[in-house]
Amino acid sequence: MDFKTKAIALTYIKHGETSIISKILTEKKGIQSFIIKNIRSKKSKKKLNCFEPLQQLEITCNYKKNKALQYIKEVSVINFQNVAFLDINKKLICLFIAELISKNIQENQLDNELFNYVWKQRELIVSCSKTSQNFIVKFLYNLSAYLGIQPNLENINRPFFDIEQGCFVNIKNLNTLEEDESLILKNFILKQDSFICTKEKKSLINTLFLYYESHGYKMKSLNSPIIIDLLKK
């Protein structure tokens, strides 16, 4: 069955001498893996930069249920912006988000709200003259709502944040952040657009990584530790 859909390129690997296998987040079918034949050959009409991290696409593919690999028949770029021409911070953010989504969202899991969120974030990255200091922290925190693990803020005035329970508590235990770390998280939640210093940014990213890990998401397995370190600066 042929279908056309908006899509967001995530990652790709080389396949054979001239092809690639690309993991793509689609609006209509969730994440799918596609084989794109001969795209690395000089005669190919399709361009490899179509499949750079977070590139926005419209694709037509021949979809076969229960197939591990689908085939793209046509592809066009929407809002083209070559990642190579983005500033280094934007490039790192695109690489990080693409890997995070590709490793933590199951294939064939349709979620239009998640798709629209990632699509909008890509537009923000490209359109702004400079990404804010808070961008990656805001992305991670707000993504938690689409994954169903958003922290419970009912008792946000309590001093400790419990990583396992996802809420603020009165009494420190083995699963709570230190009080100063909890305060940094609390201040960020209440004022997401306020300036955060490098020390606070590192604390927030570490906290959110720990939070995601405790809820079953693969943060330690990401292949971009250097990228993550740079994003903390």
Protein backbone atom coordinates (compact mmCIF):
# COMPACT_ATOMS: atom_id res chain seq x y z
CA MET A 1 0.00 0.00 0.00
CA ASP A 2 1.37 3.40 -0.97
CA PHE A 3 0.97 6.30 1.41
CA LYS A 4 2.24 9.88 1.64
CA THR A 5 3.20 11.46 4.94
CA LYS A 6 5.20 14.20 6.59
CA ALA A 7 8.31 12.78 8.20
CA ILE A 8 11.39 13.67 10.23
CA ALA A 9 14.71 12.02 9.44
CA LEU A 10 16.47 10.65 12.51
CA THR A 11 19.52 8.50 11.78
CA TYR A 12 20.92 6.41 8.97
CA ILE A 13 23.58 3.78 8.37
CA LYS A 14 25.29 2.74 5.17
CA HIS A 15 23.95 -0.41 3.51
CA GLY A 16 25.94 -2.17 0.84
CA GLU A 17 27.99 -0.06 -1.54
CA THR A 18 25.42 2.58 -2.51
CA SER A 19 22.37 2.35 -0.23
CA ILE A 20 21.40 3.43 3.28
CA ILE A 21 18.94 2.33 5.94
CA SER A 22 17.30 5.34 7.55
CA LYS A 23 15.19 5.48 10.68
CA ILE A 24 12.46 8.07 10.17
CA LEU A 25 9.69 9.41 12.40
CA THR A 26 6.54 9.62 10.26
CA GLU A 27 3.30 11.41 11.00
CA LYS A 28 1.08 8.50 9.90
CA LYS A 29 3.02 5.38 10.88
CA GLY A 30 5.31 6.41 13.73
CA ILE A 31 8.98 5.43 13.47
CA GLN A 32 9.81 3.25 10.49
CA SER A 33 13.06 1.96 9.04
CA PHE A 34 13.47 2.57 5.32
CA ILE A 35 15.96 1.28 2.81
CA ILE A 36 16.90 3.88 0.22
CA LYS A 37 18.65 2.15 -2.63
CA ASN A 38 21.54 3.64 -4.61
CA ILE A 39 21.32 7.02 -2.86
CA ARG A 40 25.10 7.09 -2.43
CA SER A 41 25.71 6.55 -6.13
CA LYS A 42 26.61 9.52 -8.33
CA LYS A 43 23.57 8.95 -10.56
CA SER A 44 21.01 9.01 -7.74
CA LYS A 45 18.28 11.64 -7.98
CA LYS A 46 17.75 11.44 -4.22
CA LYS A 47 20.25 13.39 -2.11
CA LEU A 48 21.87 12.02 1.02
CA ASN A 49 21.42 15.32 2.85
CA CYS A 50 17.65 14.67 2.79
CA PHE A 51 18.27 12.21 5.61
CA GLU A 52 20.36 14.37 7.93
CA PRO A 53 19.22 14.51 11.58
CA LEU A 54 15.80 16.20 11.99
CA GLN A 55 15.45 17.07 8.30
CA GLN A 56 11.75 17.68 7.62
CA LEU A 57 10.43 15.61 4.73
CA GLU A 58 7.41 14.54 2.76
CA ILE A 59 7.73 10.94 1.65
CA THR A 60 5.76 8.50 -0.44
CA CYS A 61 6.49 4.90 0.37
CA ASN A 62 5.32 1.41 -0.33
CA TYR A 63 4.20 0.28 3.12
CA LYS A 64 3.93 -3.39 4.02
CA LYS A 65 2.72 -4.24 7.50
CA ASN A 66 5.07 -6.34 9.65
CA LYS A 67 8.00 -5.69 7.31
CA ALA A 68 11.20 -4.66 9.08
CA LEU A 69 12.25 -2.43 6.19
CA GLN A 70 9.99 -0.22 4.09
CA TYR A 71 10.81 1.32 0.71
CA ILE A 72 10.68 5.03 -0.11
CA LYS A 73 9.42 5.79 -3.60
CA GLU A 74 9.55 9.60 -3.47
CA VAL A 75 11.04 12.10 -1.04
CA SER A 76 11.02 15.88 -0.92
CA VAL A 77 12.43 18.23 1.68
CA ILE A 78 10.26 20.70 3.59
CA ASN A 79 11.95 23.81 5.00
CA PHE A 80 15.35 22.66 3.74
CA GLN A 81 18.26 23.59 5.97
CA ASN A 82 21.42 21.56 5.60
CA VAL A 83 22.65 20.59 9.05
CA ALA A 84 26.19 21.24 7.83
CA PHE A 85 25.35 24.95 7.59
CA LEU A 86 23.82 25.27 11.05
CA ASP A 87 25.96 26.74 13.83
CA ILE A 88 27.67 24.19 16.02
CA ASN A 89 25.18 24.40 18.89
CA LYS A 90 22.18 23.88 16.57
CA LYS A 91 23.96 20.98 14.89
CA LEU A 92 24.65 19.31 18.24
CA ILE A 93 21.04 19.75 19.31
CA CYS A 94 19.76 18.16 16.09
CA LEU A 95 22.11 15.20 16.46
CA PHE A 96 21.18 14.70 20.10
CA ILE A 97 17.39 14.92 19.61
CA ALA A 98 17.49 12.59 16.60
CA GLU A 99 19.43 9.92 18.50
CA LEU A 100 17.30 10.31 21.63
CA ILE A 101 14.06 9.80 19.69
CA SER A 102 15.40 6.97 17.53
CA LYS A 103 16.60 4.95 20.53
CA ASN A 104 13.69 5.56 22.87
CA ILE A 105 10.53 5.43 20.75
CA GLN A 106 9.42 2.04 19.48
CA GLU A 107 8.83 1.52 15.78
CA ASN A 108 5.21 1.44 14.55
CA GLN A 109 4.08 3.42 17.61
CA LEU A 110 1.81 6.14 16.23
CA ASP A 111 1.78 9.37 18.28
CA ASN A 112 0.70 12.50 16.42
CA GLU A 113 1.27 14.77 19.40
CA LEU A 114 4.86 13.59 19.76
CA PHE A 115 5.43 13.99 16.02
CA ASN A 116 4.07 17.54 16.07
CA TYR A 117 6.22 18.40 19.08
CA VAL A 118 9.45 17.24 17.43
CA TRP A 119 8.42 18.91 14.15
CA LYS A 120 7.87 22.23 15.95
CA GLN A 121 11.20 21.97 17.78
CA ARG A 122 13.00 21.51 14.45
CA GLU A 123 11.31 24.65 13.13
CA LEU A 124 12.39 26.58 16.23
CA ILE A 125 15.99 25.42 15.88
CA VAL A 126 16.19 26.58 12.28
CA SER A 127 14.20 29.81 12.57
CA CYS A 128 15.85 31.40 15.60
CA SER A 129 19.07 33.32 15.12
CA LYS A 130 20.55 31.61 18.16
CA THR A 131 19.18 28.81 20.32
CA SER A 132 18.59 29.79 23.93
CA GLN A 133 20.76 28.55 26.76
CA ASN A 134 17.71 26.67 28.05
CA PHE A 135 16.72 24.97 24.78
CA ILE A 136 17.87 21.41 25.41
CA VAL A 137 16.69 21.49 29.04
CA LYS A 138 13.25 22.73 27.97
CA PHE A 139 13.13 20.09 25.24
CA LEU A 140 13.86 17.26 27.65
CA TYR A 141 11.48 18.51 30.32
CA ASN A 142 8.58 19.13 27.93
CA LEU A 143 9.20 15.84 26.09
CA SER A 144 8.41 14.01 29.33
CA ALA A 145 4.75 15.05 28.96
CA TYR A 146 4.50 13.37 25.55
CA LEU A 147 6.07 10.21 26.97
CA GLY A 148 3.66 10.10 29.90
CA ILE A 149 6.29 10.69 32.59
CA GLN A 150 5.91 14.41 33.31
CA PRO A 151 6.70 15.22 36.96
CA ASN A 152 3.76 15.76 39.29
CA LEU A 153 3.86 19.40 40.44
CA GLU A 154 1.03 19.21 42.98
CA ASN A 155 3.44 19.55 45.92
CA ILE A 156 6.17 21.57 44.23
CA ASN A 157 6.76 23.61 47.41
CA ARG A 158 8.20 20.55 49.15
CA PRO A 159 12.03 20.53 49.37
CA PHE A 160 13.10 17.26 47.71
CA PHE A 161 12.37 15.81 44.26
CA ASP A 162 11.86 12.05 44.21
CA ILE A 163 13.25 10.64 40.95
CA GLU A 164 11.34 7.35 41.15
CA GLN A 165 7.97 8.84 42.10
CA GLY A 166 8.32 11.91 39.89
CA CYS A 167 7.12 14.34 42.55
CA PHE A 168 8.33 16.64 45.31
CA VAL A 169 8.38 15.23 48.85
CA ASN A 170 9.07 16.45 52.39
CA ILE A 171 11.48 13.76 53.51
CA LYS A 172 14.81 12.90 51.88
CA ASN A 173 15.23 9.25 50.84
CA LEU A 174 17.44 7.11 48.60
CA ASN A 175 15.57 8.24 45.48
CA THR A 176 15.54 11.99 46.09
CA LEU A 177 17.83 14.63 44.69
CA GLU A 178 19.86 16.74 47.07
CA GLU A 179 17.99 19.81 48.27
CA ASP A 180 20.05 22.22 46.14
CA GLU A 181 19.49 20.08 43.01
CA SER A 182 15.78 19.92 43.78
CA LEU A 183 15.70 23.71 44.10
CA ILE A 184 17.39 24.18 40.72
CA LEU A 185 14.82 21.87 39.10
CA LYS A 186 11.95 23.62 40.88
CA ASN A 187 13.12 27.08 39.81
CA PHE A 188 13.46 25.93 36.20
CA ILE A 189 9.97 24.39 36.15
CA LEU A 190 8.43 27.59 37.52
CA LYS A 191 10.39 29.92 35.22
CA GLN A 192 11.47 27.99 32.11
CA ASP A 193 12.45 31.09 30.16
CA SER A 194 14.66 32.57 32.86
CA PHE A 195 18.42 32.61 32.36
CA ILE A 196 20.28 29.60 33.75
CA CYS A 197 24.01 29.55 34.33
CA THR A 198 26.28 26.74 33.11
CA LYS A 199 26.37 25.09 36.54
CA GLU A 200 22.57 25.01 36.71
CA LYS A 201 22.33 23.75 33.15
CA LYS A 202 24.65 20.82 33.93
CA SER A 203 22.64 20.01 37.04
CA LEU A 204 19.34 20.08 35.12
CA ILE A 205 20.59 17.90 32.27
CA ASN A 206 22.06 15.39 34.73
CA THR A 207 18.78 15.38 36.68
CA LEU A 208 16.64 14.87 33.57
CA PHE A 209 18.91 12.09 32.29
CA LEU A 210 18.64 10.36 35.66
CA TYR A 211 14.87 10.86 35.64
CA TYR A 212 14.49 9.38 32.15
CA GLU A 213 16.72 6.43 33.05
CA SER A 214 14.66 5.70 36.16
CA HIS A 215 11.55 5.53 33.97
CA GLY A 216 13.02 3.03 31.53
CA TYR A 217 14.48 5.26 28.83
CA LYS A 218 17.92 4.57 27.36
CA MET A 219 20.02 7.61 28.13
CA LYS A 220 23.29 5.89 29.04
CA SER A 221 23.29 4.04 25.72
CA LEU A 222 23.31 7.21 23.63
CA ASN A 223 26.38 7.33 21.39
CA SER A 224 26.89 11.03 21.85
CA PRO A 225 28.63 11.59 25.22
CA ILE A 226 30.83 14.30 23.69
CA ILE A 227 27.74 16.01 22.29
CA ILE A 228 26.05 15.78 25.68
CA ASP A 229 29.09 17.30 27.42
CA LEU A 230 29.15 20.16 24.91
CA LEU A 231 25.43 20.80 25.37
CA LYS A 232 26.00 21.26 29.09
CA LYS A 233 28.32 24.22 28.51
